[in-house]
Amino acid sequence: LPAGVASDALVESTDIVPTVCELIGVVPPHEPGQVDELGRDRGAIDGRSLVDLVHGRADAVREFAFAENGVY
């Protein structure tokens, strides 16, 4: 990866696994046969690879992010 690359793009911690998987040439974890009634693959991990983002081939990987905080 290029040294000193910075981005204002919105990312999530779930993006770490698919990014590392792409960098080392491994297919991200997947549980087959988990398709819901709308045809969405629920066996796939939630994150997205950030490799294109850090190499300047993409401006963003997502438009929105979800965060949740528990009650103390």
PDB file of N, CA and C in Angstrom:
ATOM      1  N   LEU A   1       0.840  -1.183   0.000  1.00  0.00           N
ATOM      2  CA  LEU A   1       0.000   0.000   0.000  1.00  0.00           C
ATOM      3  C   LEU A   1       0.878   1.237   0.000  1.00  0.00           C
ATOM      4  N   PRO A   2       0.408   2.290  -0.637  1.00  0.00           N
ATOM      5  CA  PRO A   2       1.189   3.523  -0.660  1.00  0.00           C
ATOM      6  C   PRO A   2       1.314   4.125   0.740  1.00  0.00           C
ATOM      7  N   ALA A   3       2.497   4.603   1.064  1.00  0.00           N
ATOM      8  CA  ALA A   3       2.726   5.230   2.373  1.00  0.00           C
ATOM      9  C   ALA A   3       2.079   6.598   2.422  1.00  0.00           C
ATOM     10  N   GLY A   4       1.517   6.941   3.587  1.00  0.00           N
ATOM     11  CA  GLY A   4       0.978   8.281   3.800  1.00  0.00           C
ATOM     12  C   GLY A   4      -0.334   8.584   3.115  1.00  0.00           C
ATOM     13  N   VAL A   5      -1.032   7.578   2.627  1.00  0.00           N
ATOM     14  CA  VAL A   5      -2.311   7.814   1.958  1.00  0.00           C
ATOM     15  C   VAL A   5      -3.367   8.160   3.008  1.00  0.00           C
ATOM     16  N   ALA A   6      -4.115   9.226   2.751  1.00  0.00           N
ATOM     17  CA  ALA A   6      -5.210   9.624   3.636  1.00  0.00           C
ATOM     18  C   ALA A   6      -6.466   9.811   2.800  1.00  0.00           C
ATOM     19  N   SER A   7      -7.609   9.584   3.423  1.00  0.00           N
ATOM     20  CA  SER A   7      -8.884   9.706   2.721  1.00  0.00           C
ATOM     21  C   SER A   7      -9.949  10.179   3.692  1.00  0.00           C
ATOM     22  N   ASP A   8     -10.898  10.950   3.178  1.00  0.00           N
ATOM     23  CA  ASP A   8     -12.048  11.372   3.969  1.00  0.00           C
ATOM     24  C   ASP A   8     -13.241  10.443   3.752  1.00  0.00           C
ATOM     25  N   ALA A   9     -13.043   9.342   3.039  1.00  0.00           N
ATOM     26  CA  ALA A   9     -14.136   8.424   2.717  1.00  0.00           C
ATOM     27  C   ALA A   9     -14.664   7.753   3.982  1.00  0.00           C
ATOM     28  N   LEU A  10     -15.938   7.462   3.956  1.00  0.00           N
ATOM     29  CA  LEU A  10     -16.613   6.789   5.060  1.00  0.00           C
ATOM     30  C   LEU A  10     -16.315   5.291   4.992  1.00  0.00           C
ATOM     31  N   VAL A  11     -15.727   4.749   6.060  1.00  0.00           N
ATOM     32  CA  VAL A  11     -15.425   3.318   6.143  1.00  0.00           C
ATOM     33  C   VAL A  11     -15.878   2.802   7.504  1.00  0.00           C
ATOM     34  N   GLU A  12     -15.924   1.487   7.660  1.00  0.00           N
ATOM     35  CA  GLU A  12     -16.314   0.863   8.918  1.00  0.00           C
ATOM     36  C   GLU A  12     -15.276  -0.187   9.304  1.00  0.00           C
ATOM     37  N   SER A  13     -15.269  -0.570  10.557  1.00  0.00           N
ATOM     38  CA  SER A  13     -14.331  -1.597  11.006  1.00  0.00           C
ATOM     39  C   SER A  13     -14.596  -2.938  10.318  1.00  0.00           C
ATOM     40  N   THR A  14     -15.814  -3.164   9.839  1.00  0.00           N
ATOM     41  CA  THR A  14     -16.123  -4.409   9.126  1.00  0.00           C
ATOM     42  C   THR A  14     -15.389  -4.489   7.786  1.00  0.00           C
ATOM     43  N   ASP A  15     -14.818  -3.376   7.327  1.00  0.00           N
ATOM     44  CA  ASP A  15     -14.084  -3.361   6.059  1.00  0.00           C
ATOM     45  C   ASP A  15     -12.673  -3.922   6.191  1.00  0.00           C
ATOM     46  N   ILE A  16     -12.206  -4.140   7.418  1.00  0.00           N
ATOM     47  CA  ILE A  16     -10.833  -4.616   7.619  1.00  0.00           C
ATOM     48  C   ILE A  16     -10.639  -6.025   7.061  1.00  0.00           C
ATOM     49  N   VAL A  17     -11.539  -6.949   7.373  1.00  0.00           N
ATOM     50  CA  VAL A  17     -11.377  -8.345   6.922  1.00  0.00           C
ATOM     51  C   VAL A  17     -11.365  -8.455   5.400  1.00  0.00           C
ATOM     52  N   PRO A  18     -12.334  -7.894   4.669  1.00  0.00           N
ATOM     53  CA  PRO A  18     -12.262  -8.031   3.214  1.00  0.00           C
ATOM     54  C   PRO A  18     -11.050  -7.323   2.603  1.00  0.00           C
ATOM     55  N   THR A  19     -10.588  -6.244   3.237  1.00  0.00           N
ATOM     56  CA  THR A  19      -9.407  -5.546   2.733  1.00  0.00           C
ATOM     57  C   THR A  19      -8.171  -6.421   2.880  1.00  0.00           C
ATOM     58  N   VAL A  20      -7.975  -6.983   4.065  1.00  0.00           N
ATOM     59  CA  VAL A  20      -6.822  -7.860   4.298  1.00  0.00           C
ATOM     60  C   VAL A  20      -6.901  -9.087   3.401  1.00  0.00           C
ATOM     61  N   CYS A  21      -8.091  -9.664   3.257  1.00  0.00           N
ATOM     62  CA  CYS A  21      -8.256 -10.837   2.387  1.00  0.00           C
ATOM     63  C   CYS A  21      -7.824 -10.525   0.952  1.00  0.00           C
ATOM     64  N   GLU A  22      -8.237  -9.371   0.440  1.00  0.00           N
ATOM     65  CA  GLU A  22      -7.844  -9.001  -0.925  1.00  0.00           C
ATOM     66  C   GLU A  22      -6.336  -8.801  -1.023  1.00  0.00           C
ATOM     67  N   LEU A  23      -5.745  -8.163  -0.028  1.00  0.00           N
ATOM     68  CA  LEU A  23      -4.304  -7.900  -0.057  1.00  0.00           C
ATOM     69  C   LEU A  23      -3.469  -9.172  -0.035  1.00  0.00           C
ATOM     70  N   ILE A  24      -3.942 -10.195   0.658  1.00  0.00           N
ATOM     71  CA  ILE A  24      -3.166 -11.442   0.734  1.00  0.00           C
ATOM     72  C   ILE A  24      -3.658 -12.504  -0.250  1.00  0.00           C
ATOM     73  N   GLY A  25      -4.680 -12.158  -1.051  1.00  0.00           N
ATOM     74  CA  GLY A  25      -5.147 -13.066  -2.093  1.00  0.00           C
ATOM     75  C   GLY A  25      -5.990 -14.222  -1.603  1.00  0.00           C
ATOM     76  N   VAL A  26      -6.786 -13.975  -0.556  1.00  0.00           N
ATOM     77  CA  VAL A  26      -7.653 -15.008   0.010  1.00  0.00           C
ATOM     78  C   VAL A  26      -9.109 -14.589  -0.185  1.00  0.00           C
ATOM     79  N   VAL A  27      -9.969 -15.551  -0.463  1.00  0.00           N
ATOM     80  CA  VAL A  27     -11.398 -15.264  -0.596  1.00  0.00           C
ATOM     81  C   VAL A  27     -11.970 -14.991   0.800  1.00  0.00           C
ATOM     82  N   PRO A  28     -12.737 -13.901   0.973  1.00  0.00           N
ATOM     83  CA  PRO A  28     -13.328 -13.612   2.292  1.00  0.00           C
ATOM     84  C   PRO A  28     -14.228 -14.758   2.767  1.00  0.00           C
ATOM     85  N   PRO A  29     -14.367 -14.920   4.067  1.00  0.00           N
ATOM     86  CA  PRO A  29     -15.225 -15.980   4.598  1.00  0.00           C
ATOM     87  C   PRO A  29     -16.655 -15.881   4.062  1.00  0.00           C
ATOM     88  N   HIS A  30     -17.256 -17.028   3.828  1.00  0.00           N
ATOM     89  CA  HIS A  30     -18.616 -17.053   3.285  1.00  0.00           C
ATOM     90  C   HIS A  30     -19.311 -18.328   3.715  1.00  0.00           C
ATOM     91  N   GLU A  31     -20.552 -18.201   4.137  1.00  0.00           N
ATOM     92  CA  GLU A  31     -21.357 -19.364   4.496  1.00  0.00           C
ATOM     93  C   GLU A  31     -22.409 -19.559   3.408  1.00  0.00           C
ATOM     94  N   PRO A  32     -22.240 -20.554   2.556  1.00  0.00           N
ATOM     95  CA  PRO A  32     -23.168 -20.752   1.440  1.00  0.00           C
ATOM     96  C   PRO A  32     -24.570 -21.146   1.895  1.00  0.00           C
ATOM     97  N   GLY A  33     -25.543 -20.870   1.032  1.00  0.00           N
ATOM     98  CA  GLY A  33     -26.916 -21.281   1.287  1.00  0.00           C
ATOM     99  C   GLY A  33     -27.679 -20.391   2.242  1.00  0.00           C
ATOM    100  N   GLN A  34     -27.247 -19.162   2.431  1.00  0.00           N
ATOM    101  CA  GLN A  34     -27.908 -18.250   3.367  1.00  0.00           C
ATOM    102  C   GLN A  34     -28.602 -17.103   2.640  1.00  0.00           C
ATOM    103  N   VAL A  35     -29.310 -17.403   1.571  1.00  0.00           N
ATOM    104  CA  VAL A  35     -30.016 -16.384   0.790  1.00  0.00           C
ATOM    105  C   VAL A  35     -31.398 -16.151   1.396  1.00  0.00           C
ATOM    106  N   ASP A  36     -31.744 -14.883   1.636  1.00  0.00           N
ATOM    107  CA  ASP A  36     -33.050 -14.584   2.236  1.00  0.00           C
ATOM    108  C   ASP A  36     -34.135 -14.471   1.171  1.00  0.00           C
ATOM    109  N   GLU A  37     -35.365 -14.159   1.595  1.00  0.00           N
ATOM    110  CA  GLU A  37     -36.524 -14.116   0.685  1.00  0.00           C
ATOM    111  C   GLU A  37     -36.420 -13.027  -0.379  1.00  0.00           C
ATOM    112  N   LEU A  38     -35.536 -12.045  -0.184  1.00  0.00           N
ATOM    113  CA  LEU A  38     -35.337 -10.985  -1.177  1.00  0.00           C
ATOM    114  C   LEU A  38     -34.130 -11.254  -2.075  1.00  0.00           C
ATOM    115  N   GLY A  39     -33.523 -12.423  -1.925  1.00  0.00           N
ATOM    116  CA  GLY A  39     -32.390 -12.801  -2.756  1.00  0.00           C
ATOM    117  C   GLY A  39     -31.047 -12.268  -2.275  1.00  0.00           C
ATOM    118  N   ARG A  40     -31.001 -11.699  -1.070  1.00  0.00           N
ATOM    119  CA  ARG A  40     -29.744 -11.169  -0.529  1.00  0.00           C
ATOM    120  C   ARG A  40     -28.928 -12.291   0.084  1.00  0.00           C
ATOM    121  N   ASP A  41     -27.642 -12.278  -0.155  1.00  0.00           N
ATOM    122  CA  ASP A  41     -26.741 -13.301   0.364  1.00  0.00           C
ATOM    123  C   ASP A  41     -26.381 -12.978   1.806  1.00  0.00           C
ATOM    124  N   ARG A  42     -27.008 -13.644   2.757  1.00  0.00           N
ATOM    125  CA  ARG A  42     -26.768 -13.400   4.178  1.00  0.00           C
ATOM    126  C   ARG A  42     -25.572 -14.202   4.704  1.00  0.00           C
ATOM    127  N   GLY A  43     -24.934 -14.986   3.863  1.00  0.00           N
ATOM    128  CA  GLY A  43     -23.761 -15.741   4.265  1.00  0.00           C
ATOM    129  C   GLY A  43     -22.465 -14.992   4.031  1.00  0.00           C
ATOM    130  N   ALA A  44     -22.546 -13.857   3.329  1.00  0.00           N
ATOM    131  CA  ALA A  44     -21.363 -13.056   3.041  1.00  0.00           C
ATOM    132  C   ALA A  44     -21.057 -12.124   4.209  1.00  0.00           C
ATOM    133  N   ILE A  45     -19.783 -11.774   4.374  1.00  0.00           N
ATOM    134  CA  ILE A  45     -19.428 -10.824   5.427  1.00  0.00           C
ATOM    135  C   ILE A  45     -19.905  -9.426   5.033  1.00  0.00           C
ATOM    136  N   ASP A  46     -20.064  -8.555   6.013  1.00  0.00           N
ATOM    137  CA  ASP A  46     -20.652  -7.240   5.781  1.00  0.00           C
ATOM    138  C   ASP A  46     -19.698  -6.213   5.185  1.00  0.00           C
ATOM    139  N   GLY A  47     -18.424  -6.321   5.410  1.00  0.00           N
ATOM    140  CA  GLY A  47     -17.474  -5.292   4.994  1.00  0.00           C
ATOM    141  C   GLY A  47     -17.206  -5.266   3.503  1.00  0.00           C
ATOM    142  N   ARG A  48     -16.508  -4.211   3.102  1.00  0.00           N
ATOM    143  CA  ARG A  48     -16.100  -4.024   1.706  1.00  0.00           C
ATOM    144  C   ARG A  48     -14.608  -3.738   1.680  1.00  0.00           C
ATOM    145  N   SER A  49     -13.934  -4.246   0.678  1.00  0.00           N
ATOM    146  CA  SER A  49     -12.498  -4.021   0.565  1.00  0.00           C
ATOM    147  C   SER A  49     -12.207  -2.544   0.314  1.00  0.00           C
ATOM    148  N   LEU A  50     -11.167  -2.045   0.953  1.00  0.00           N
ATOM    149  CA  LEU A  50     -10.753  -0.650   0.803  1.00  0.00           C
ATOM    150  C   LEU A  50      -9.549  -0.496  -0.120  1.00  0.00           C
ATOM    151  N   VAL A  51      -9.139  -1.562  -0.780  1.00  0.00           N
ATOM    152  CA  VAL A  51      -7.948  -1.531  -1.624  1.00  0.00           C
ATOM    153  C   VAL A  51      -8.086  -0.501  -2.746  1.00  0.00           C
ATOM    154  N   ASP A  52      -9.205  -0.483  -3.445  1.00  0.00           N
ATOM    155  CA  ASP A  52      -9.389   0.508  -4.518  1.00  0.00           C
ATOM    156  C   ASP A  52      -9.382   1.930  -3.975  1.00  0.00           C
ATOM    157  N   LEU A  53      -9.889   2.119  -2.781  1.00  0.00           N
ATOM    158  CA  LEU A  53      -9.911   3.437  -2.149  1.00  0.00           C
ATOM    159  C   LEU A  53      -8.492   3.936  -1.883  1.00  0.00           C
ATOM    160  N   VAL A  54      -7.654   3.109  -1.283  1.00  0.00           N
ATOM    161  CA  VAL A  54      -6.300   3.559  -0.954  1.00  0.00           C
ATOM    162  C   VAL A  54      -5.404   3.704  -2.179  1.00  0.00           C
ATOM    163  N   HIS A  55      -5.738   3.022  -3.258  1.00  0.00           N
ATOM    164  CA  HIS A  55      -4.970   3.163  -4.493  1.00  0.00           C
ATOM    165  C   HIS A  55      -5.520   4.271  -5.393  1.00  0.00           C
ATOM    166  N   GLY A  56      -6.560   4.966  -4.943  1.00  0.00           N
ATOM    167  CA  GLY A  56      -7.109   6.071  -5.724  1.00  0.00           C
ATOM    168  C   GLY A  56      -7.995   5.654  -6.878  1.00  0.00           C
ATOM    169  N   ARG A  57      -8.403   4.389  -6.929  1.00  0.00           N
ATOM    170  CA  ARG A  57      -9.272   3.908  -8.014  1.00  0.00           C
ATOM    171  C   ARG A  57     -10.749   4.068  -7.673  1.00  0.00           C
ATOM    172  N   ALA A  58     -11.040   4.519  -6.444  1.00  0.00           N
ATOM    173  CA  ALA A  58     -12.417   4.758  -6.006  1.00  0.00           C
ATOM    174  C   ALA A  58     -12.420   5.960  -5.072  1.00  0.00           C
ATOM    175  N   ASP A  59     -13.507   6.719  -5.091  1.00  0.00           N
ATOM    176  CA  ASP A  59     -13.645   7.861  -4.191  1.00  0.00           C
ATOM    177  C   ASP A  59     -14.342   7.462  -2.892  1.00  0.00           C
ATOM    178  N   ALA A  60     -15.110   6.379  -2.936  1.00  0.00           N
ATOM    179  CA  ALA A  60     -15.871   5.936  -1.765  1.00  0.00           C
ATOM    180  C   ALA A  60     -16.201   4.460  -1.915  1.00  0.00           C
ATOM    181  N   VAL A  61     -16.489   3.811  -0.794  1.00  0.00           N
ATOM    182  CA  VAL A  61     -16.943   2.418  -0.829  1.00  0.00           C
ATOM    183  C   VAL A  61     -18.361   2.297  -0.283  1.00  0.00           C
ATOM    184  N   ARG A  62     -18.830   3.343   0.376  1.00  0.00           N
ATOM    185  CA  ARG A  62     -20.192   3.344   0.901  1.00  0.00           C
ATOM    186  C   ARG A  62     -20.665   4.780   1.080  1.00  0.00           C
ATOM    187  N   GLU A  63     -21.988   4.951   1.060  1.00  0.00           N
ATOM    188  CA  GLU A  63     -22.589   6.269   1.243  1.00  0.00           C
ATOM    189  C   GLU A  63     -23.002   6.492   2.696  1.00  0.00           C
ATOM    190  N   PHE A  64     -23.375   5.407   3.382  1.00  0.00           N
ATOM    191  CA  PHE A  64     -23.845   5.496   4.759  1.00  0.00           C
ATOM    192  C   PHE A  64     -23.127   4.463   5.619  1.00  0.00           C
ATOM    193  N   ALA A  65     -23.097   4.706   6.924  1.00  0.00           N
ATOM    194  CA  ALA A  65     -22.550   3.747   7.882  1.00  0.00           C
ATOM    195  C   ALA A  65     -23.522   3.648   9.049  1.00  0.00           C
ATOM    196  N   PHE A  66     -23.465   2.527   9.744  1.00  0.00           N
ATOM    197  CA  PHE A  66     -24.342   2.298  10.880  1.00  0.00           C
ATOM    198  C   PHE A  66     -23.497   2.205  12.140  1.00  0.00           C
ATOM    199  N   ALA A  67     -23.928   2.873  13.185  1.00  0.00           N
ATOM    200  CA  ALA A  67     -23.238   2.789  14.470  1.00  0.00           C
ATOM    201  C   ALA A  67     -24.266   2.596  15.566  1.00  0.00           C
ATOM    202  N   GLU A  68     -23.858   1.889  16.598  1.00  0.00           N
ATOM    203  CA  GLU A  68     -24.750   1.624  17.703  1.00  0.00           C
ATOM    204  C   GLU A  68     -23.961   1.699  18.995  1.00  0.00           C
ATOM    205  N   ASN A  69     -24.517   2.334  19.999  1.00  0.00           N
ATOM    206  CA  ASN A  69     -23.879   2.424  21.307  1.00  0.00           C
ATOM    207  C   ASN A  69     -24.806   1.816  22.352  1.00  0.00           C
ATOM    208  N   GLY A  70     -24.234   1.032  23.238  1.00  0.00           N
ATOM    209  CA  GLY A  70     -25.017   0.426  24.303  1.00  0.00           C
ATOM    210  C   GLY A  70     -25.234   1.391  25.450  1.00  0.00           C
ATOM    211  N   VAL A  71     -26.172   1.061  26.282  1.00  0.00           N
ATOM    212  CA  VAL A  71     -26.453   1.864  27.461  1.00  0.00           C
ATOM    213  C   VAL A  71     -25.496   1.423  28.558  1.00  0.00           C
ATOM    214  N   TYR A  72     -24.892   2.356  29.243  1.00  0.00           N
ATOM    215  CA  TYR A  72     -23.903   2.022  30.276  1.00  0.00           C
ATOM    216  C   TYR A  72     -24.562   1.652  31.546  1.00  0.00           C
TER     217      TYR A  72
END
